[in-house]
Amino acid sequence: MAAYGQTQYSPALQPPGPYAPYAHHAQGYSVPSYNIKTEDGLSHSPGQTGLLGYSNFSGTPPSQSLYSYSHTHGHCFVFYLLINLIVLILWQEFSAYSSYSQSQYSPYYNSHHYNSPYLTSSNISPAAIAAPLAYQHPDPHVMLPNHSPESHAGEWSIKGDSLITCLFFSPQRVFIWDLDETIIIFHSLLTGTFSSRFGKDSSKAVSLGLWMEEMIFNLADSRLFFNDLEECDQVHIDDVASDDNGQDLSTYNFGSDGFQGPAGAGSLCLSSGVHGGVDWMRKLAFRYRRVKEIYNTYKNNVGGLLGSPKREEWLQLRREMEVLTDLWLTQALKALALINSRPNCVNVLVTTTQLIPALSKVLLYGLGSAFPIENIYSATKTGKESCFERISQRFGRRAVYVVIGDGAEEEAVAKKKNMPFWRVSCRADLEALSHALELDYL
């Protein structure tokens, strides 16, 4: 964008008369040029540090006797700010990126014979995963500190959320992940599918699956209000935030606030998760707010949330599951970390598990750093297509969406929405995904 100058005006326009020198002001505003790459270059965000640049100039502006300094330059500032905002919004609205064909991935997508420098069959042992988390993840980039477009439910329309997202965080790629049997192995342990498919000890697999199931629901019930929220499930953590009056919860007694009421009162929740009554909805919102606080506090310190001896039990379970699954989770964490390391790329989770147990799974499998709680959606009630639509509205048409999963539902929705789909049916698929990410093919 070219800087605005005075050369565009005719030399015939003369000032009305001489003015006394103004000694104090020696600077003015200008609009910087934008260095925005295109999608085919896997670009990052524009490099400008602000909407307006500030540069030196020399001159003798009119004296304050005729023009108010603060008033005139305040209008200039607002004028240039509006110009920049309009250009940014128009550029966001009308720029579009071409979709990637899955044929680009084929050289790096081999589900059977994939030679990886990260894992060999000889190093599958408890010693290979002495630490429960093999990779350290930087905090994912979010739109604004402690805020998300979803957190303004009841205050902002979808259009308003999209505008804020465009101006402050415009991801070039949004990776939409499935959870079970894609990032983590859980349900297939209980059913015996995993052991029969990959030649594992079936009794051991079922035992570990039951052990993890007990830990998931114990955490959900004891720390995340699942007993209260099971029949009032939400798609997103902030879906009832508009009913929250912001009351201080540090001394709030959730056990005696009358939320449950008479036995079976929870069954009165409607399919939309609305029970009815302002006071009851406020108490519901309080619980989801506390869940959000707990998640954000302990997402990198699950052991601290569990306490002893549950922490030691959890670490032992994690080690044994990684051995049984040939470091499946470790490989998934590698791919998630590669995405998180990129500016303007984001991981989003869409799962058919109810929201509270899903958050419990994310914490226990050590995925808290990979997924901010604002990026987790439950498709239990609405289905994945509805969640995908919400995500598309949130991040806008400019982004390229890549769906990663193992199920038919997410694949069908991805195809319908013309989103590239990466199937994960074995650990080699996750290795291939990491390889493609390292080579910037995704």
Protein backbone atom coordinates (compact mmCIF):
# COMPACT_ATOMS: atom_id res chain seq x y z
CA MET A 1 0.00 0.00 0.00
CA ALA A 2 1.52 3.28 -1.00
CA ALA A 3 2.15 5.91 1.65
CA TYR A 4 -0.08 8.96 1.61
CA GLY A 5 1.76 12.16 0.70
CA GLN A 6 1.07 15.73 -0.38
CA THR A 7 2.26 15.43 -3.99
CA GLN A 8 -1.22 14.43 -5.10
CA TYR A 9 -2.48 18.00 -4.61
CA SER A 10 -2.18 20.67 -7.27
CA PRO A 11 0.70 23.17 -6.87
CA ALA A 12 -1.89 25.87 -7.56
CA LEU A 13 -3.36 25.35 -4.15
CA GLN A 14 -1.51 27.91 -2.05
CA PRO A 15 -1.70 28.38 1.70
CA PRO A 16 -3.77 31.32 2.87
CA GLY A 17 -0.75 33.13 4.29
CA PRO A 18 2.45 32.77 6.25
CA TYR A 19 2.33 31.08 9.58
CA ALA A 20 4.59 31.30 12.55
CA PRO A 21 7.02 28.35 12.88
CA TYR A 22 5.84 25.56 15.09
CA ALA A 23 8.87 24.25 16.93
CA HIS A 24 7.49 21.30 18.86
CA HIS A 25 6.09 18.95 16.26
CA ALA A 26 8.67 17.12 14.14
CA GLN A 27 6.94 13.87 13.34
CA GLY A 28 3.97 12.60 11.37
CA TYR A 29 2.13 9.47 10.53
CA SER A 30 2.52 7.35 7.42
CA VAL A 31 1.15 4.03 6.26
CA PRO A 32 3.74 1.23 5.94
CA SER A 33 3.91 -1.13 3.01
CA TYR A 34 2.66 -4.65 3.55
CA ASN A 35 4.85 -7.65 2.98
CA ILE A 36 2.28 -10.39 2.56
CA LYS A 37 3.25 -13.61 0.83
CA THR A 38 0.85 -15.86 -1.01
CA GLU A 39 -0.44 -19.25 0.07
CA ASP A 40 1.84 -21.20 -2.25
CA GLY A 41 4.83 -19.94 -0.32
CA LEU A 42 3.52 -21.20 3.02
CA SER A 43 3.70 -17.64 4.20
CA HIS A 44 3.55 -16.20 7.67
CA SER A 45 1.60 -13.23 8.88
CA PRO A 46 2.32 -9.69 7.72
CA GLY A 47 5.44 -8.35 9.35
CA GLN A 48 4.11 -4.98 10.37
CA THR A 49 4.10 -4.28 14.08
CA GLY A 50 1.13 -1.97 13.95
CA LEU A 51 -1.44 -0.49 11.65
CA LEU A 52 0.33 2.84 11.41
CA GLY A 53 3.99 3.64 11.01
CA TYR A 54 5.55 6.76 12.50
CA SER A 55 8.18 8.62 10.48
CA ASN A 56 10.06 11.91 10.62
CA PHE A 57 9.43 14.90 8.39
CA SER A 58 10.33 18.53 8.47
CA GLY A 59 8.05 21.43 7.80
CA THR A 60 6.25 24.34 9.34
CA PRO A 61 2.64 23.41 10.10
CA PRO A 62 0.03 26.12 10.62
CA SER A 63 0.06 27.92 13.91
CA GLN A 64 -2.36 27.01 16.64
CA SER A 65 -4.05 30.40 16.33
CA LEU A 66 -5.87 29.18 13.21
CA TYR A 67 -5.88 25.39 13.60
CA SER A 68 -5.97 23.23 16.70
CA TYR A 69 -2.93 20.97 16.69
CA SER A 70 -4.48 18.14 18.67
CA HIS A 71 -7.76 18.30 16.77
CA THR A 72 -6.20 18.31 13.31
CA HIS A 73 -3.72 15.55 13.92
CA GLY A 74 -6.28 13.51 15.86
CA HIS A 75 -8.43 13.53 12.74
CA CYS A 76 -5.45 12.53 10.61
CA PHE A 77 -4.74 9.64 12.92
CA VAL A 78 -8.35 8.46 12.79
CA PHE A 79 -8.46 8.91 9.02
CA TYR A 80 -5.36 6.81 8.43
CA LEU A 81 -6.52 4.21 10.93
CA LEU A 82 -9.85 3.88 9.12
CA ILE A 83 -8.11 3.60 5.76
CA ASN A 84 -5.90 0.80 7.07
CA LEU A 85 -8.81 -1.05 8.63
CA ILE A 86 -10.89 -0.81 5.46
CA VAL A 87 -8.03 -2.11 3.32
CA LEU A 88 -7.34 -4.97 5.71
CA ILE A 89 -10.99 -6.00 5.85
CA LEU A 90 -11.42 -5.84 2.07
CA TRP A 91 -8.22 -7.78 1.57
CA GLN A 92 -9.37 -10.44 4.02
CA GLU A 93 -12.81 -10.68 2.40
CA PHE A 94 -11.78 -10.98 -1.22
CA SER A 95 -8.51 -12.88 -0.96
CA ALA A 96 -8.88 -16.64 -1.32
CA TYR A 97 -6.43 -19.45 -1.28
CA SER A 98 -6.56 -22.38 -3.63
CA SER A 99 -7.25 -25.80 -2.17
CA TYR A 100 -4.55 -28.42 -2.13
CA SER A 101 -5.11 -31.67 -3.89
CA GLN A 102 -4.38 -34.79 -1.91
CA SER A 103 -2.25 -35.96 -4.82
CA GLN A 104 0.47 -33.69 -3.46
CA TYR A 105 0.67 -35.82 -0.33
CA SER A 106 0.98 -39.19 -2.01
CA PRO A 107 4.81 -39.30 -2.19
CA TYR A 108 4.88 -38.89 1.59
CA TYR A 109 1.89 -41.01 2.51
CA ASN A 110 2.71 -44.68 2.82
CA SER A 111 0.62 -46.66 5.23
CA HIS A 112 2.73 -49.81 5.14
CA HIS A 113 6.46 -49.50 4.55
CA TYR A 114 7.64 -46.20 5.93
CA ASN A 115 11.25 -45.85 7.03
CA SER A 116 11.37 -43.31 9.81
CA PRO A 117 14.43 -42.03 11.64
CA TYR A 118 12.27 -41.44 14.72
CA LEU A 119 11.20 -44.97 15.57
CA THR A 120 12.38 -48.52 15.01
CA SER A 121 10.96 -51.78 16.22
CA SER A 122 14.04 -52.37 18.35
CA ASN A 123 13.46 -49.39 20.61
CA ILE A 124 9.93 -50.18 21.75
CA SER A 125 10.52 -50.59 25.45
CA PRO A 126 9.62 -48.83 28.69
CA ALA A 127 13.09 -47.29 28.69
CA ALA A 128 12.32 -45.62 25.39
CA ILE A 129 9.63 -43.55 27.06
CA ALA A 130 11.09 -42.91 30.49
CA ALA A 131 9.47 -39.49 30.46
CA PRO A 132 5.71 -39.40 29.94
CA LEU A 133 5.96 -36.51 27.47
CA ALA A 134 8.59 -36.93 24.80
CA TYR A 135 8.07 -33.55 23.23
CA GLN A 136 7.75 -30.10 24.74
CA HIS A 137 5.29 -27.85 22.98
CA PRO A 138 5.27 -24.07 22.86
CA ASP A 139 2.01 -22.48 23.86
CA PRO A 140 -0.23 -22.42 20.81
CA HIS A 141 -0.96 -19.07 19.24
CA VAL A 142 -4.40 -17.83 20.10
CA MET A 143 -6.32 -14.82 18.91
CA LEU A 144 -5.94 -12.66 22.02
CA PRO A 145 -4.61 -13.37 25.54
CA ASN A 146 -7.27 -15.12 27.59
CA HIS A 147 -9.94 -14.47 24.96
CA SER A 148 -11.34 -16.21 21.92
CA PRO A 149 -14.06 -15.44 19.41
CA GLU A 150 -16.19 -18.09 21.13
CA SER A 151 -15.94 -16.32 24.50
CA HIS A 152 -18.09 -13.43 23.24
CA ALA A 153 -21.25 -15.52 22.81
CA GLY A 154 -24.18 -13.27 23.50
CA GLU A 155 -22.17 -10.13 22.80
CA TRP A 156 -20.79 -10.60 19.31
CA SER A 157 -22.38 -11.97 16.19
CA ILE A 158 -20.51 -14.45 14.00
CA LYS A 159 -19.63 -11.59 11.68
CA GLY A 160 -18.11 -9.68 14.58
CA ASP A 161 -16.09 -12.72 15.64
CA SER A 162 -14.83 -13.14 12.09
CA LEU A 163 -13.75 -9.50 11.95
CA ILE A 164 -11.80 -9.76 15.20
CA THR A 165 -10.19 -13.01 14.03
CA CYS A 166 -9.18 -11.44 10.72
CA LEU A 167 -7.62 -8.39 12.32
CA PHE A 168 -5.70 -10.09 15.13
CA PHE A 169 -5.14 -13.71 14.14
CA SER A 170 -5.55 -14.98 10.61
CA PRO A 171 -4.27 -18.55 10.40
CA GLN A 172 -3.23 -19.74 6.98
CA ARG A 173 -3.95 -23.35 7.91
CA VAL A 174 -6.36 -24.86 10.39
CA PHE A 175 -5.71 -28.53 11.15
CA ILE A 176 -8.93 -30.18 12.37
CA TRP A 177 -8.12 -33.35 14.30
CA ASP A 178 -10.23 -36.29 15.38
CA LEU A 179 -9.30 -37.64 18.83
CA ASP A 180 -9.93 -41.36 19.38
CA GLU A 181 -7.94 -43.75 17.21
CA THR A 182 -6.31 -40.76 15.49
CA ILE A 183 -4.28 -38.99 18.18
CA ILE A 184 -4.92 -41.44 21.02
CA ILE A 185 -5.67 -45.15 21.24
CA PHE A 186 -8.52 -45.78 23.64
CA HIS A 187 -11.80 -47.19 22.37
CA SER A 188 -10.12 -49.85 20.19
CA LEU A 189 -8.30 -51.16 23.28
CA LEU A 190 -11.63 -51.87 24.98
CA THR A 191 -13.17 -53.54 21.93
CA GLY A 192 -10.09 -55.61 21.11
CA THR A 193 -9.86 -54.08 17.64
CA PHE A 194 -6.38 -52.70 18.20
CA SER A 195 -4.89 -55.94 19.54
CA SER A 196 -6.35 -58.09 16.76
CA ARG A 197 -5.30 -55.67 14.03
CA PHE A 198 -1.74 -55.14 15.17
CA GLY A 199 -1.04 -58.49 16.83
CA LYS A 200 -0.97 -57.30 20.43
CA ASP A 201 -1.83 -59.09 23.65
CA SER A 202 -5.61 -58.73 23.78
CA SER A 203 -5.95 -59.22 27.53
CA LYS A 204 -3.27 -56.61 28.16
CA ALA A 205 -4.91 -54.17 25.74
CA VAL A 206 -8.33 -54.53 27.36
CA SER A 207 -6.79 -54.19 30.83
CA LEU A 208 -5.04 -50.93 29.91
CA GLY A 209 -8.18 -49.64 28.21
CA LEU A 210 -10.28 -50.25 31.32
CA TRP A 211 -7.60 -48.66 33.48
CA MET A 212 -7.57 -45.52 31.33
CA GLU A 213 -11.38 -45.43 31.23
CA GLU A 214 -11.49 -45.45 35.03
CA MET A 215 -8.99 -42.59 35.21
CA ILE A 216 -10.86 -40.54 32.58
CA PHE A 217 -14.21 -40.69 34.35
CA ASN A 218 -12.68 -40.34 37.80
CA LEU A 219 -11.02 -37.08 36.74
CA ALA A 220 -14.18 -35.90 34.97
CA ASP A 221 -16.36 -36.62 38.02
CA SER A 222 -14.02 -35.44 40.77
CA ARG A 223 -12.54 -32.33 39.18
CA LEU A 224 -14.61 -31.34 36.14
CA PHE A 225 -18.25 -31.53 37.39
CA PHE A 226 -19.25 -34.34 35.05
CA ASN A 227 -21.93 -35.54 37.48
CA ASP A 228 -23.56 -32.12 37.17
CA LEU A 229 -22.91 -31.55 33.47
CA GLU A 230 -23.39 -34.96 31.86
CA GLU A 231 -26.97 -34.23 30.78
CA CYS A 232 -26.26 -30.58 30.02
CA ASP A 233 -23.43 -31.15 27.58
CA GLN A 234 -22.19 -28.29 25.40
CA VAL A 235 -20.39 -28.20 22.07
CA HIS A 236 -17.88 -25.59 23.24
CA ILE A 237 -16.64 -24.46 26.64
CA ASP A 238 -17.96 -20.91 26.14
CA ASP A 239 -21.42 -21.76 24.82
CA VAL A 240 -23.12 -20.68 28.06
CA ALA A 241 -20.65 -17.90 28.91
CA SER A 242 -23.28 -15.24 28.18
CA ASP A 243 -25.20 -16.44 31.27
CA ASP A 244 -22.17 -15.87 33.52
CA ASN A 245 -22.37 -12.64 35.53
CA GLY A 246 -18.64 -12.73 36.37
CA GLN A 247 -19.14 -13.46 40.06
CA ASP A 248 -15.98 -14.30 42.04
CA LEU A 249 -15.91 -18.09 42.45
CA SER A 250 -12.94 -18.35 44.82
CA THR A 251 -15.22 -19.04 47.80
CA TYR A 252 -18.25 -20.29 45.88
CA ASN A 253 -19.72 -23.57 47.17
CA PHE A 254 -20.70 -25.66 44.16
CA GLY A 255 -21.90 -28.49 46.35
CA SER A 256 -24.62 -26.49 48.08
CA ASP A 257 -25.81 -24.00 45.46
CA GLY A 258 -28.90 -26.05 44.60
CA PHE A 259 -27.86 -26.74 41.00
CA GLN A 260 -28.89 -30.39 41.08
CA GLY A 261 -32.15 -29.77 42.89
CA PRO A 262 -34.51 -32.73 43.32
CA ALA A 263 -33.36 -36.12 42.15
CA GLY A 264 -33.48 -36.40 38.41
CA ALA A 265 -33.72 -32.66 37.85
CA GLY A 266 -30.78 -32.88 35.48
CA SER A 267 -32.95 -34.85 33.06
CA LEU A 268 -34.91 -31.67 32.41
CA CYS A 269 -32.04 -30.34 30.28
CA LEU A 270 -33.16 -29.89 26.73
CA SER A 271 -31.22 -31.14 23.72
CA SER A 272 -29.68 -27.72 23.35
CA GLY A 273 -28.31 -27.93 26.89
CA VAL A 274 -30.74 -25.30 28.23
CA HIS A 275 -32.54 -26.14 31.47
CA GLY A 276 -34.47 -22.92 31.86
CA GLY A 277 -34.39 -20.25 34.50
CA VAL A 278 -31.88 -17.43 34.75
CA ASP A 279 -30.56 -18.50 38.14
CA TRP A 280 -30.04 -22.12 37.06
CA MET A 281 -28.32 -21.09 33.82
CA ARG A 282 -25.98 -18.85 35.79
CA LYS A 283 -24.99 -21.80 37.98
CA LEU A 284 -24.42 -23.88 34.86
CA ALA A 285 -22.19 -21.16 33.43
CA PHE A 286 -20.24 -21.03 36.71
CA ARG A 287 -19.38 -24.71 36.37
CA TYR A 288 -18.16 -24.38 32.82
CA ARG A 289 -16.11 -21.34 33.81
CA ARG A 290 -14.48 -23.31 36.63
CA VAL A 291 -13.76 -26.21 34.24
CA LYS A 292 -12.04 -23.75 31.92
CA GLU A 293 -9.96 -22.37 34.78
CA ILE A 294 -8.90 -25.86 35.89
CA TYR A 295 -7.96 -26.87 32.35
CA ASN A 296 -5.86 -23.75 31.78
CA THR A 297 -4.17 -24.10 35.18
CA TYR A 298 -3.25 -27.78 34.92
CA LYS A 299 -2.90 -28.45 31.19
CA ASN A 300 0.88 -28.65 31.62
CA ASN A 301 0.78 -30.17 35.11
CA VAL A 302 -1.76 -32.98 35.13
CA GLY A 303 0.14 -34.71 37.92
CA GLY A 304 -0.51 -31.71 40.14
CA LEU A 305 -4.23 -31.98 39.42
CA LEU A 306 -4.33 -35.72 40.16
CA GLY A 307 -2.21 -35.60 43.27
CA SER A 308 -0.40 -38.55 44.83
CA PRO A 309 -0.76 -41.53 44.46
CA LYS A 310 -2.92 -41.04 41.35
CA ARG A 311 -0.04 -39.22 39.66
CA GLU A 312 2.26 -42.25 39.91
CA GLU A 313 -0.53 -44.51 38.68
CA TRP A 314 -1.12 -42.21 35.72
CA LEU A 315 2.56 -42.13 34.77
CA GLN A 316 2.75 -45.92 34.90
CA LEU A 317 -0.36 -46.23 32.72
CA ARG A 318 1.02 -43.79 30.17
CA ARG A 319 4.28 -45.74 29.91
CA GLU A 320 2.55 -49.08 29.45
CA MET A 321 0.15 -47.73 26.84
CA GLU A 322 2.99 -46.24 24.82
CA VAL A 323 4.80 -49.56 24.81
CA LEU A 324 1.66 -51.45 23.74
CA THR A 325 0.82 -48.96 20.97
CA ASP A 326 4.39 -48.63 19.64
CA LEU A 327 4.66 -44.98 20.67
CA TRP A 328 1.52 -43.99 18.77
CA LEU A 329 0.85 -40.97 21.00
CA THR A 330 4.48 -39.85 20.82
CA GLN A 331 4.28 -39.75 17.03
CA ALA A 332 1.00 -37.82 17.14
CA LEU A 333 2.54 -35.32 19.56
CA LYS A 334 5.39 -34.80 17.11
CA ALA A 335 2.99 -33.82 14.33
CA LEU A 336 1.01 -31.55 16.67
CA ALA A 337 4.22 -29.86 17.82
CA LEU A 338 5.32 -29.20 14.23
CA ILE A 339 2.02 -27.46 13.52
CA ASN A 340 2.15 -25.45 16.74
CA SER A 341 5.68 -24.30 15.94
CA ARG A 342 4.44 -22.49 12.84
CA PRO A 343 3.14 -18.96 13.06
CA ASN A 344 -0.40 -18.67 11.71
CA CYS A 345 -1.17 -22.39 11.95
CA VAL A 346 -3.54 -23.82 14.52
CA ASN A 347 -4.69 -27.22 15.82
CA VAL A 348 -8.40 -27.70 16.47
CA LEU A 349 -10.00 -30.81 17.98
CA VAL A 350 -13.44 -32.15 17.04
CA THR A 351 -14.50 -35.30 18.88
CA THR A 352 -17.67 -37.33 19.27
CA THR A 353 -16.92 -37.68 23.00
CA GLN A 354 -18.93 -35.44 25.32
CA LEU A 355 -17.10 -32.23 26.13
CA ILE A 356 -16.18 -32.91 29.78
CA PRO A 357 -14.83 -36.47 29.23
CA ALA A 358 -13.07 -35.16 26.12
CA LEU A 359 -11.28 -32.53 28.22
CA SER A 360 -10.38 -35.27 30.71
CA LYS A 361 -8.91 -37.37 27.88
CA VAL A 362 -6.94 -34.43 26.52
CA LEU A 363 -5.42 -33.76 29.94
CA LEU A 364 -4.59 -37.40 30.76
CA TYR A 365 -3.01 -38.06 27.37
CA GLY A 366 -0.83 -34.95 27.74
CA LEU A 367 -2.43 -32.95 24.92
CA GLY A 368 -3.17 -29.78 26.87
CA SER A 369 -0.33 -27.80 25.30
CA ALA A 370 -1.38 -28.84 21.80
CA PHE A 371 -5.02 -27.74 22.16
CA PRO A 372 -6.14 -24.57 23.92
CA ILE A 373 -9.52 -25.25 25.46
CA GLU A 374 -11.11 -22.74 23.05
CA ASN A 375 -10.05 -25.04 20.20
CA ILE A 376 -11.89 -28.13 21.47
CA TYR A 377 -15.37 -28.99 20.15
CA SER A 378 -17.70 -31.86 21.04
CA ALA A 379 -19.81 -33.22 18.19
CA THR A 380 -21.86 -35.53 20.44
CA LYS A 381 -25.14 -33.67 19.92
CA THR A 382 -24.69 -31.70 16.73
CA GLY A 383 -22.46 -33.90 14.59
CA LYS A 384 -19.12 -33.05 13.06
CA GLU A 385 -20.47 -31.12 10.08
CA SER A 386 -21.99 -28.53 12.41
CA CYS A 387 -18.69 -28.23 14.30
CA PHE A 388 -16.76 -27.85 11.05
CA GLU A 389 -19.11 -25.06 10.03
CA ARG A 390 -18.55 -23.25 13.33
CA ILE A 391 -14.80 -23.55 12.90
CA SER A 392 -14.99 -22.23 9.33
CA GLN A 393 -17.01 -19.23 10.48
CA ARG A 394 -14.58 -18.60 13.31
CA PHE A 395 -11.37 -18.62 11.27
CA GLY A 396 -12.80 -17.39 7.98
CA ARG A 397 -12.69 -18.35 4.32
CA ARG A 398 -9.12 -17.25 3.91
CA ALA A 399 -7.70 -20.22 5.84
CA VAL A 400 -6.94 -23.61 4.31
CA TYR A 401 -8.51 -26.41 6.36
CA VAL A 402 -6.88 -29.84 6.63
CA VAL A 403 -8.85 -32.64 8.30
CA ILE A 404 -6.98 -35.46 10.04
CA GLY A 405 -8.89 -38.51 11.21
CA ASP A 406 -9.70 -42.19 10.95
CA GLY A 407 -13.50 -42.18 10.68
CA ALA A 408 -15.99 -42.07 7.85
CA GLU A 409 -17.88 -39.08 9.28
CA GLU A 410 -14.99 -36.60 9.26
CA GLU A 411 -13.89 -37.86 5.85
CA ALA A 412 -17.37 -37.34 4.38
CA VAL A 413 -17.65 -33.84 5.86
CA ALA A 414 -14.17 -32.93 4.62
CA LYS A 415 -15.07 -34.08 1.12
CA LYS A 416 -18.35 -32.16 1.20
CA LYS A 417 -16.57 -28.97 2.24
CA ASN A 418 -13.69 -29.51 -0.20
CA MET A 419 -11.15 -29.83 2.62
CA PRO A 420 -8.07 -32.06 2.21
CA PHE A 421 -8.37 -35.21 4.34
CA TRP A 422 -5.47 -37.13 5.85
CA ARG A 423 -6.45 -40.62 6.92
CA VAL A 424 -4.79 -42.14 9.99
CA SER A 425 -5.20 -45.91 10.12
CA CYS A 426 -1.83 -46.86 11.61
CA ARG A 427 1.20 -45.28 13.23
CA ALA A 428 2.98 -45.08 9.87
CA ASP A 429 0.31 -42.61 8.72
CA LEU A 430 1.28 -40.29 11.58
CA GLU A 431 4.97 -40.65 10.66
CA ALA A 432 4.13 -39.77 7.07
CA LEU A 433 2.15 -36.77 8.29
CA SER A 434 5.11 -35.51 10.32
CA HIS A 435 7.38 -36.00 7.32
CA ALA A 436 5.04 -34.04 5.05
CA LEU A 437 4.88 -31.25 7.62
CA GLU A 438 8.66 -31.12 7.92
CA LEU A 439 8.93 -30.75 4.14
CA ASP A 440 6.25 -28.04 4.10
CA TYR A 441 3.87 -30.07 1.96
CA LEU A 442 1.09 -29.36 4.45
